[in-house]
Amino acid sequence: MSEAPVTRPERVLFVHAHPDDETLVSGGTIATLLELGAEVTVLTATRGERGEMLTAEAAPLAGDGPRVAAHREGEIAAALAALGGPAHLWLGGAGARPTDLPERRYSDSGMQWGPDGRAVAADDAPADSLTAADLGEVVDDVRAAIRSTMADAVVSYADDGGYGHPDHVRVHHAARYAARAEEVPFSMIVAVDSGDADLTVDVVPVRARVRAALEQYRSQLTVDPVDPADPTALSWVMPHGARQHAPAVEAFRHDADPTPPAPQTYAELTPGWKATAVVVSFVVGLVAGGLGSVTHQQTIGTFPIGILLPTLIVIGLLAGLRLLFRSRVLVVAAWLGIAAATTFLLQLVLANAAGYTWMIAPTAVAFVVLVWPDFGDGRRPAGTGGGPATVATPAGTGGAAPGRSDTGLSGSAQGRE
């Protein structure tokens, strides 16, 4: 699990393609996190409009996209309640769409079985389907969800989508790109026996919750009755007749850690780099002080180029250090370098107007630069990395995030439409 700040519960965003995917491949982890006090949000990309309708009462809905969507909206609401009540967002809707764009719905792209038994893209994906949408738009919507939930970690499928479904693959890429852009750890659901797991979660203690959640998806699968000999066993039959068994653990693989942002201010530097910055500032000050002491008497005709140029260099150096690094420490270090060089070369400083100016100007400039107030705190604005920074926040998610965790939940497992 992620190491969440002690100031608030950890926030985890699970990104899935269709209703039922969240329970089939990560329901145990969702229920476990909720029992541990984490704040969990499930982001669903489509409403599974092209999914099978298995029960007799749901069968007449098959092929009627809007009615199937409404039915599966009810199923996922009941399933999430059974898991423990994570928050829920629809991709392209409130909380998962940049506020400068109108809300939209992504429809199920559909699939067909390939010769190797894995899912491949359907030949008739609709124009408003997830896979027909611009990937950049999908990424921006996931980024909006990360911001609105202030997620500390993002979890979704591996790059094959678990079993090849094109919507799963699209969700993987969008979630991964979005997590990296928002500098949030990303983890992928993987098969327990894949050998790729960085983290496993024991989900047997929450088996009853997962069973109750799966039983809400009667249009998509048939849950086997409880086995009196092994009440913790859980299996179900898929539309194509295959029986699947819930593993005792759910497994995750961590994506590569996001590249840490480069330091922008002196305060963000490590202690070693702070010491280096101080030494470099002092040395540059020595060079500027030596240059001024040697040249301050030079003129071109009657123009005092010798004093003007070093003074401008001092102003640029001291003001630049303060503005770029927001550090008085580096300003003082550079000024001490200037003063040391001037003192060492004092015999070159004549008692005339140029000499007096050179003796006073660096200290006067340093004083002005040191006393002016800070014009910013040097922190990056929210949403660096491009894209709209403001998103619609669903009720109950307002407030500022105290800081994100350093590591995230990770893994990838097989799912279905």
Protein backbone atom coordinates (compact mmCIF):
# COMPACT_ATOMS: atom_id res chain seq x y z
CA MET A 1 0.00 0.00 0.00
CA SER A 2 1.05 3.60 -0.33
CA GLU A 3 2.59 5.35 2.59
CA ALA A 4 -0.07 7.98 3.13
CA PRO A 5 0.54 11.18 5.12
CA VAL A 6 -0.65 10.85 8.70
CA THR A 7 -2.61 14.09 8.35
CA ARG A 8 -5.38 12.41 6.33
CA PRO A 9 -6.40 9.05 4.87
CA GLU A 10 -4.74 7.84 1.72
CA ARG A 11 -6.66 8.53 -1.48
CA VAL A 12 -6.59 5.91 -4.24
CA LEU A 13 -8.17 6.22 -7.69
CA PHE A 14 -9.08 3.00 -9.53
CA VAL A 15 -9.62 3.52 -13.26
CA HIS A 16 -11.69 0.88 -15.07
CA ALA A 17 -13.33 0.49 -18.47
CA HIS A 18 -16.81 -0.93 -17.73
CA PRO A 19 -19.14 -1.62 -14.80
CA ASP A 20 -18.10 -4.93 -13.14
CA ASP A 21 -14.38 -4.61 -14.03
CA GLU A 22 -13.68 -2.85 -10.74
CA THR A 23 -15.11 -5.79 -8.76
CA LEU A 24 -13.80 -8.62 -10.92
CA VAL A 25 -10.13 -7.62 -10.84
CA SER A 26 -9.73 -5.25 -7.90
CA GLY A 27 -12.82 -5.57 -5.72
CA GLY A 28 -10.97 -7.22 -2.88
CA THR A 29 -8.37 -4.48 -2.77
CA ILE A 30 -11.02 -1.75 -2.94
CA ALA A 31 -12.90 -3.33 -0.01
CA THR A 32 -9.67 -3.81 1.94
CA LEU A 33 -8.59 -0.19 1.46
CA LEU A 34 -12.00 1.04 2.58
CA GLU A 35 -11.83 -1.10 5.71
CA LEU A 36 -8.39 0.38 6.44
CA GLY A 37 -9.86 3.89 6.25
CA ALA A 38 -8.57 4.93 2.83
CA GLU A 39 -10.59 7.20 0.57
CA VAL A 40 -11.23 5.23 -2.61
CA THR A 41 -12.72 6.47 -5.87
CA VAL A 42 -13.68 4.28 -8.80
CA LEU A 43 -13.54 6.00 -12.19
CA THR A 44 -15.49 4.12 -14.88
CA ALA A 45 -14.85 5.01 -18.51
CA THR A 46 -17.99 3.61 -20.17
CA ARG A 47 -21.33 2.19 -19.16
CA GLY A 48 -20.75 -1.11 -20.93
CA GLU A 49 -23.50 -0.51 -23.46
CA ARG A 50 -22.40 -3.49 -25.55
CA GLY A 51 -22.20 -5.98 -22.74
CA GLU A 52 -24.21 -9.19 -22.69
CA MET A 53 -27.59 -9.33 -20.95
CA LEU A 54 -27.72 -12.79 -19.35
CA THR A 55 -30.85 -12.80 -17.22
CA ALA A 56 -34.31 -13.30 -18.66
CA GLU A 57 -35.50 -9.94 -17.40
CA ALA A 58 -32.47 -8.12 -18.83
CA ALA A 59 -32.29 -10.00 -22.14
CA PRO A 60 -34.77 -7.66 -23.93
CA LEU A 61 -32.34 -4.78 -23.31
CA ALA A 62 -29.57 -6.33 -25.41
CA GLY A 63 -28.57 -4.10 -28.29
CA ASP A 64 -30.40 -1.07 -26.88
CA GLY A 65 -27.41 1.02 -25.78
CA PRO A 66 -29.20 3.64 -23.65
CA ARG A 67 -31.30 1.05 -21.80
CA VAL A 68 -28.29 -1.22 -21.23
CA ALA A 69 -26.35 1.78 -19.93
CA ALA A 70 -29.10 2.67 -17.47
CA HIS A 71 -29.30 -0.95 -16.28
CA ARG A 72 -25.55 -1.19 -15.72
CA GLU A 73 -25.49 2.15 -13.94
CA GLY A 74 -27.81 0.58 -11.39
CA GLU A 75 -25.65 -2.54 -11.17
CA ILE A 76 -22.45 -0.66 -10.47
CA ALA A 77 -24.10 1.55 -7.87
CA ALA A 78 -25.28 -1.53 -5.99
CA ALA A 79 -21.94 -3.30 -6.39
CA LEU A 80 -19.93 -0.36 -5.06
CA ALA A 81 -22.27 -0.12 -2.08
CA ALA A 82 -21.63 -3.80 -1.38
CA LEU A 83 -17.85 -3.25 -1.52
CA GLY A 84 -18.09 -0.59 1.16
CA GLY A 85 -19.15 2.53 -0.67
CA PRO A 86 -16.21 4.02 -2.58
CA ALA A 87 -16.86 7.28 -4.41
CA HIS A 88 -17.72 6.92 -8.07
CA LEU A 89 -17.07 9.05 -11.15
CA TRP A 90 -17.89 8.60 -14.83
CA LEU A 91 -15.12 9.52 -17.27
CA GLY A 92 -16.06 12.75 -19.01
CA GLY A 93 -18.55 13.70 -16.29
CA ALA A 94 -18.42 15.89 -13.21
CA GLY A 95 -15.11 15.53 -11.41
CA ALA A 96 -13.55 13.74 -14.39
CA ARG A 97 -13.64 16.46 -17.04
CA PRO A 98 -11.72 19.76 -17.33
CA THR A 99 -14.12 22.55 -16.42
CA ASP A 100 -13.48 24.44 -19.65
CA LEU A 101 -14.94 21.56 -21.66
CA PRO A 102 -18.57 20.39 -21.86
CA GLU A 103 -19.23 17.05 -20.24
CA ARG A 104 -19.40 14.02 -22.50
CA ARG A 105 -20.07 10.27 -22.36
CA TYR A 106 -17.76 7.63 -23.75
CA SER A 107 -19.57 4.57 -25.04
CA ASP A 108 -18.45 0.96 -24.97
CA SER A 109 -16.19 0.15 -27.94
CA GLY A 110 -17.16 -3.51 -28.02
CA MET A 111 -14.83 -6.42 -28.77
CA GLN A 112 -14.60 -9.75 -30.51
CA TRP A 113 -12.60 -12.84 -29.74
CA GLY A 114 -9.43 -13.33 -31.73
CA PRO A 115 -8.07 -16.68 -32.94
CA ASP A 116 -5.79 -16.90 -29.91
CA GLY A 117 -8.70 -16.60 -27.50
CA ARG A 118 -7.91 -13.01 -26.54
CA ALA A 119 -10.14 -10.01 -27.12
CA VAL A 120 -9.52 -7.79 -30.13
CA ALA A 121 -11.17 -4.60 -31.38
CA ALA A 122 -14.67 -4.85 -32.78
CA ASP A 123 -15.25 -3.98 -36.41
CA ASP A 124 -18.15 -1.67 -35.60
CA ALA A 125 -17.01 0.54 -32.71
CA PRO A 126 -19.35 3.57 -32.59
CA ALA A 127 -18.11 7.09 -33.25
CA ASP A 128 -18.57 8.10 -29.61
CA SER A 129 -16.75 5.05 -28.27
CA LEU A 130 -13.79 5.22 -25.93
CA THR A 131 -11.33 3.92 -28.51
CA ALA A 132 -12.55 6.38 -31.14
CA ALA A 133 -11.93 9.33 -28.83
CA ASP A 134 -8.71 11.31 -28.97
CA LEU A 135 -6.29 9.81 -26.45
CA GLY A 136 -5.24 13.27 -25.29
CA GLU A 137 -8.83 14.09 -24.39
CA VAL A 138 -9.17 10.86 -22.42
CA VAL A 139 -5.91 11.58 -20.61
CA ASP A 140 -7.10 15.08 -19.68
CA ASP A 141 -10.29 13.62 -18.24
CA VAL A 142 -8.34 11.17 -16.09
CA ARG A 143 -6.06 14.00 -14.98
CA ALA A 144 -9.14 15.96 -13.97
CA ALA A 145 -10.26 13.00 -11.86
CA ILE A 146 -6.84 12.77 -10.20
CA ARG A 147 -7.05 16.44 -9.25
CA SER A 148 -10.66 16.45 -8.11
CA THR A 149 -10.08 13.44 -5.86
CA MET A 150 -6.58 14.60 -4.86
CA ALA A 151 -5.47 11.02 -5.40
CA ASP A 152 -2.21 9.77 -3.91
CA ALA A 153 -2.11 6.73 -6.21
CA VAL A 154 -3.74 5.57 -9.44
CA VAL A 155 -4.52 1.92 -10.22
CA SER A 156 -5.58 0.42 -13.55
CA TYR A 157 -4.86 -2.44 -15.95
CA ALA A 158 -1.53 -3.53 -17.37
CA ASP A 159 -0.69 -2.56 -20.93
CA ASP A 160 -2.54 -5.56 -22.40
CA GLY A 161 -5.71 -4.60 -20.61
CA GLY A 162 -5.73 -7.94 -18.80
CA TYR A 163 -7.09 -9.94 -21.71
CA GLY A 164 -6.86 -7.62 -24.68
CA HIS A 165 -10.14 -5.68 -24.60
CA PRO A 166 -9.51 -2.45 -26.54
CA ASP A 167 -11.27 -0.33 -23.91
CA HIS A 168 -9.05 -1.82 -21.20
CA VAL A 169 -5.94 -1.08 -23.24
CA ARG A 170 -7.08 2.51 -23.85
CA VAL A 171 -7.80 2.98 -20.14
CA HIS A 172 -4.34 1.67 -19.25
CA HIS A 173 -2.60 4.18 -21.51
CA ALA A 174 -4.78 7.09 -20.43
CA ALA A 175 -4.42 6.35 -16.72
CA ARG A 176 -0.68 5.83 -16.98
CA TYR A 177 -0.07 9.03 -18.95
CA ALA A 178 -2.34 10.99 -16.61
CA ALA A 179 -0.63 9.68 -13.48
CA ARG A 180 2.78 10.57 -14.83
CA ALA A 181 1.63 14.04 -15.88
CA GLU A 182 0.21 14.64 -12.40
CA GLU A 183 3.30 13.10 -10.74
CA VAL A 184 1.19 10.47 -8.95
CA PRO A 185 2.34 6.83 -8.56
CA PHE A 186 0.68 4.44 -11.00
CA SER A 187 0.13 0.73 -10.39
CA MET A 188 -1.10 -2.04 -12.66
CA ILE A 189 -3.25 -5.05 -11.89
CA VAL A 190 -1.34 -8.25 -12.73
CA ALA A 191 -2.08 -11.95 -12.49
CA VAL A 192 -0.99 -13.47 -9.20
CA ASP A 193 1.08 -16.14 -10.93
CA SER A 194 2.68 -13.77 -13.43
CA GLY A 195 5.83 -13.24 -11.39
CA ASP A 196 5.51 -9.49 -12.00
CA ALA A 197 3.85 -8.50 -8.73
CA ASP A 198 5.46 -5.87 -6.52
CA LEU A 199 2.57 -6.01 -4.08
CA THR A 200 -0.10 -8.56 -3.14
CA VAL A 201 -3.20 -7.90 -1.08
CA ASP A 202 -4.85 -10.66 0.95
CA VAL A 203 -8.50 -10.37 -0.06
CA VAL A 204 -9.93 -13.45 1.68
CA PRO A 205 -11.05 -11.41 4.73
CA VAL A 206 -13.33 -9.32 2.47
CA ARG A 207 -14.59 -12.22 0.38
CA ALA A 208 -18.19 -11.72 1.49
CA ARG A 209 -18.16 -8.14 0.28
CA VAL A 210 -16.76 -9.12 -3.11
CA ARG A 211 -19.34 -11.90 -3.46
CA ALA A 212 -22.15 -9.49 -2.64
CA ALA A 213 -20.79 -7.01 -5.20
CA LEU A 214 -20.47 -9.62 -7.96
CA GLU A 215 -24.03 -10.77 -7.33
CA GLN A 216 -25.22 -7.33 -8.42
CA TYR A 217 -23.92 -7.97 -11.96
CA ARG A 218 -26.54 -10.55 -12.88
CA SER A 219 -26.63 -9.31 -16.46
CA GLN A 220 -22.93 -10.06 -16.87
CA LEU A 221 -22.09 -13.19 -14.88
CA THR A 222 -23.51 -15.90 -12.69
CA VAL A 223 -22.02 -16.32 -9.22
CA ASP A 224 -21.76 -19.90 -7.97
CA PRO A 225 -23.47 -20.67 -4.66
CA VAL A 226 -21.45 -20.65 -1.45
CA ASP A 227 -19.61 -23.92 -0.94
CA PRO A 228 -20.37 -25.13 2.63
CA ALA A 229 -17.07 -27.00 2.66
CA ASP A 230 -15.15 -23.81 1.85
CA PRO A 231 -17.15 -20.62 2.51
CA THR A 232 -14.24 -18.47 1.40
CA ALA A 233 -14.22 -19.94 -2.11
CA LEU A 234 -15.71 -17.71 -4.78
CA SER A 235 -16.31 -18.51 -8.44
CA TRP A 236 -18.56 -17.36 -11.24
CA VAL A 237 -19.46 -18.25 -14.81
CA MET A 238 -18.82 -15.77 -17.60
CA PRO A 239 -21.14 -15.25 -20.62
CA HIS A 240 -18.98 -17.46 -22.84
CA GLY A 241 -19.28 -20.30 -20.30
CA ALA A 242 -15.86 -20.11 -18.69
CA ARG A 243 -15.77 -20.46 -14.92
CA GLN A 244 -13.41 -18.15 -13.06
CA HIS A 245 -12.21 -18.43 -9.48
CA ALA A 246 -11.37 -15.50 -7.24
CA PRO A 247 -7.75 -15.65 -6.10
CA ALA A 248 -6.81 -15.41 -2.45
CA VAL A 249 -4.71 -12.35 -3.21
CA GLU A 250 -4.87 -9.55 -5.75
CA ALA A 251 -1.52 -8.57 -7.24
CA PHE A 252 -0.12 -5.29 -8.49
CA ARG A 253 2.99 -4.07 -10.23
CA HIS A 254 4.33 -0.58 -9.70
CA ASP A 255 5.05 1.56 -12.70
CA ALA A 256 8.41 3.32 -12.81
CA ASP A 257 8.51 6.05 -10.22
CA PRO A 258 7.52 9.44 -11.67
CA THR A 259 10.52 11.60 -12.47
CA PRO A 260 10.90 13.99 -9.55
CA PRO A 261 10.62 17.64 -10.50
CA ALA A 262 13.87 19.52 -10.80
CA PRO A 263 14.51 21.87 -7.88
CA GLN A 264 13.46 25.43 -8.66
CA THR A 265 14.47 27.26 -5.49
CA TYR A 266 17.29 27.12 -2.95
CA ALA A 267 14.90 25.69 -0.38
CA GLU A 268 14.17 22.69 -2.66
CA LEU A 269 17.84 21.73 -3.00
CA THR A 270 19.35 18.88 -1.03
CA PRO A 271 21.83 19.84 1.71
CA GLY A 272 24.75 18.89 -0.52
CA TRP A 273 23.49 21.00 -3.41
CA LYS A 274 22.78 23.89 -1.04
CA ALA A 275 26.42 23.85 0.06
CA THR A 276 27.55 23.67 -3.56
CA ALA A 277 25.29 26.61 -4.49
CA VAL A 278 26.76 28.71 -1.67
CA VAL A 279 30.34 27.94 -2.76
CA VAL A 280 29.57 28.67 -6.42
CA SER A 281 27.86 31.96 -5.51
CA PHE A 282 30.91 32.98 -3.43
CA VAL A 283 33.31 32.11 -6.27
CA VAL A 284 31.21 34.02 -8.83
CA GLY A 285 31.22 36.93 -6.40
CA LEU A 286 35.00 36.73 -6.20
CA VAL A 287 35.22 36.92 -9.99
CA ALA A 288 32.82 39.87 -10.14
CA GLY A 289 34.66 41.64 -7.33
CA GLY A 290 38.04 41.06 -8.95
CA LEU A 291 36.75 42.31 -12.31
CA GLY A 292 35.38 45.48 -10.75
CA SER A 293 38.49 46.15 -8.71
CA VAL A 294 40.72 45.79 -11.75
CA THR A 295 38.63 47.71 -14.29
CA HIS A 296 36.66 50.33 -12.34
CA GLN A 297 39.02 53.15 -13.35
CA GLN A 298 38.79 52.43 -17.10
CA THR A 299 37.07 54.88 -19.43
CA ILE A 300 36.25 55.12 -23.10
CA GLY A 301 36.86 58.78 -23.77
CA THR A 302 35.06 60.34 -20.84
CA PHE A 303 32.54 57.47 -20.45
CA PRO A 304 33.22 55.50 -17.22
CA ILE A 305 32.82 52.04 -18.75
CA GLY A 306 35.08 50.51 -16.07
CA ILE A 307 32.72 51.28 -13.19
CA LEU A 308 29.44 50.99 -15.07
CA LEU A 309 29.97 47.47 -16.41
CA PRO A 310 31.05 45.83 -13.09
CA THR A 311 28.22 47.58 -11.27
CA LEU A 312 25.68 46.21 -13.77
CA ILE A 313 27.25 42.74 -13.34
CA VAL A 314 26.86 43.00 -9.55
CA ILE A 315 23.23 44.10 -9.89
CA GLY A 316 22.48 41.25 -12.30
CA LEU A 317 24.26 38.69 -10.13
CA LEU A 318 22.70 39.60 -6.78
CA ALA A 319 19.22 40.36 -8.11
CA GLY A 320 19.31 37.25 -10.29
CA LEU A 321 20.19 34.97 -7.38
CA ARG A 322 17.38 36.41 -5.30
CA LEU A 323 14.77 36.18 -8.06
CA LEU A 324 15.74 32.80 -9.50
CA PHE A 325 16.48 30.91 -6.29
CA ARG A 326 14.46 33.04 -3.83
CA SER A 327 17.40 32.90 -1.49
CA ARG A 328 19.02 35.57 0.65
CA VAL A 329 21.72 33.04 1.57
CA LEU A 330 23.09 32.96 -1.96
CA VAL A 331 22.96 36.75 -2.20
CA VAL A 332 25.03 37.06 0.97
CA ALA A 333 27.51 34.45 -0.31
CA ALA A 334 28.00 36.33 -3.59
CA TRP A 335 28.32 39.68 -1.80
CA LEU A 336 30.97 38.21 0.53
CA GLY A 337 32.88 37.03 -2.53
CA ILE A 338 32.75 40.53 -4.03
CA ALA A 339 33.85 42.07 -0.73
CA ALA A 340 36.70 39.55 -0.32
CA ALA A 341 38.05 40.23 -3.82
CA THR A 342 37.79 43.99 -3.36
CA THR A 343 39.57 43.84 0.00
CA PHE A 344 42.36 41.67 -1.43
CA LEU A 345 42.82 44.07 -4.36
CA LEU A 346 42.29 47.21 -2.26
CA GLN A 347 45.55 48.75 -3.51
CA LEU A 348 43.94 48.97 -6.97
CA VAL A 349 40.97 51.00 -5.69
CA LEU A 350 41.90 54.64 -5.97
CA ALA A 351 40.52 57.42 -3.78
CA ASN A 352 38.41 59.09 -6.48
CA ALA A 353 34.77 59.03 -7.61
CA ALA A 354 35.08 55.70 -9.40
CA GLY A 355 36.89 54.14 -6.44
CA TYR A 356 34.34 55.36 -3.91
CA THR A 357 31.52 54.17 -6.16
CA TRP A 358 33.03 50.69 -6.43
CA MET A 359 33.54 50.46 -2.66
CA ILE A 360 29.93 51.43 -1.92
CA ALA A 361 27.88 50.14 -4.86
CA PRO A 362 28.06 46.35 -4.24
CA THR A 363 27.06 46.75 -0.59
CA ALA A 364 24.23 49.12 -1.49
CA VAL A 365 22.94 46.73 -4.15
CA ALA A 366 23.19 43.78 -1.75
CA PHE A 367 21.23 45.69 0.91
CA VAL A 368 18.41 46.51 -1.51
CA VAL A 369 18.25 42.97 -2.83
CA LEU A 370 18.24 41.49 0.69
CA VAL A 371 15.49 43.69 2.09
CA TRP A 372 12.93 43.43 -0.69
CA PRO A 373 10.07 41.01 0.06
CA ASP A 374 9.53 37.68 -1.61
CA PHE A 375 7.31 37.95 -4.68
CA GLY A 376 6.33 34.26 -4.68
CA ASP A 377 6.87 31.08 -2.75
CA GLY A 378 8.58 29.26 -5.59
CA ARG A 379 6.17 26.36 -5.72
CA ARG A 380 4.90 24.95 -8.98
CA PRO A 381 1.26 25.62 -9.72
CA ALA A 382 -1.13 22.70 -9.52
CA GLY A 383 -1.39 20.73 -12.72
CA THR A 384 2.10 21.28 -14.10
CA GLY A 385 2.74 19.26 -17.17
CA GLY A 386 0.16 20.88 -19.41
CA GLY A 387 -3.58 20.77 -19.70
CA PRO A 388 -6.28 22.62 -17.80
CA ALA A 389 -5.53 22.97 -14.10
CA THR A 390 -9.08 23.59 -12.90
CA VAL A 391 -11.60 20.78 -12.68
CA ALA A 392 -15.13 20.31 -11.47
CA THR A 393 -14.98 18.88 -7.96
CA PRO A 394 -17.79 16.60 -6.86
CA ALA A 395 -19.53 17.30 -3.60
CA GLY A 396 -17.52 16.35 -0.59
CA THR A 397 -14.09 16.40 -2.21
CA GLY A 398 -13.17 20.01 -1.63
CA GLY A 399 -10.15 21.12 0.30
CA ALA A 400 -6.43 21.11 -0.23
CA ALA A 401 -4.34 18.00 -0.30
CA PRO A 402 -1.60 18.15 2.32
CA GLY A 403 0.77 16.27 0.05
CA ARG A 404 0.98 13.10 -1.95
CA SER A 405 2.43 9.81 -0.85
CA ASP A 406 5.76 8.70 -2.20
CA THR A 407 4.71 5.26 -3.39
CA GLY A 408 1.50 3.87 -4.80
CA LEU A 409 -0.52 0.71 -5.05
CA SER A 410 0.41 -1.30 -8.15
CA GLY A 411 -0.60 -4.30 -10.18
CA SER A 412 -2.64 -5.80 -13.07
CA ALA A 413 -5.11 -8.68 -13.49
CA GLN A 414 -7.55 -9.95 -15.99
CA GLY A 415 -10.90 -8.30 -16.46
CA ARG A 416 -13.76 -8.32 -18.91
CA GLU A 417 -16.36 -6.07 -20.44
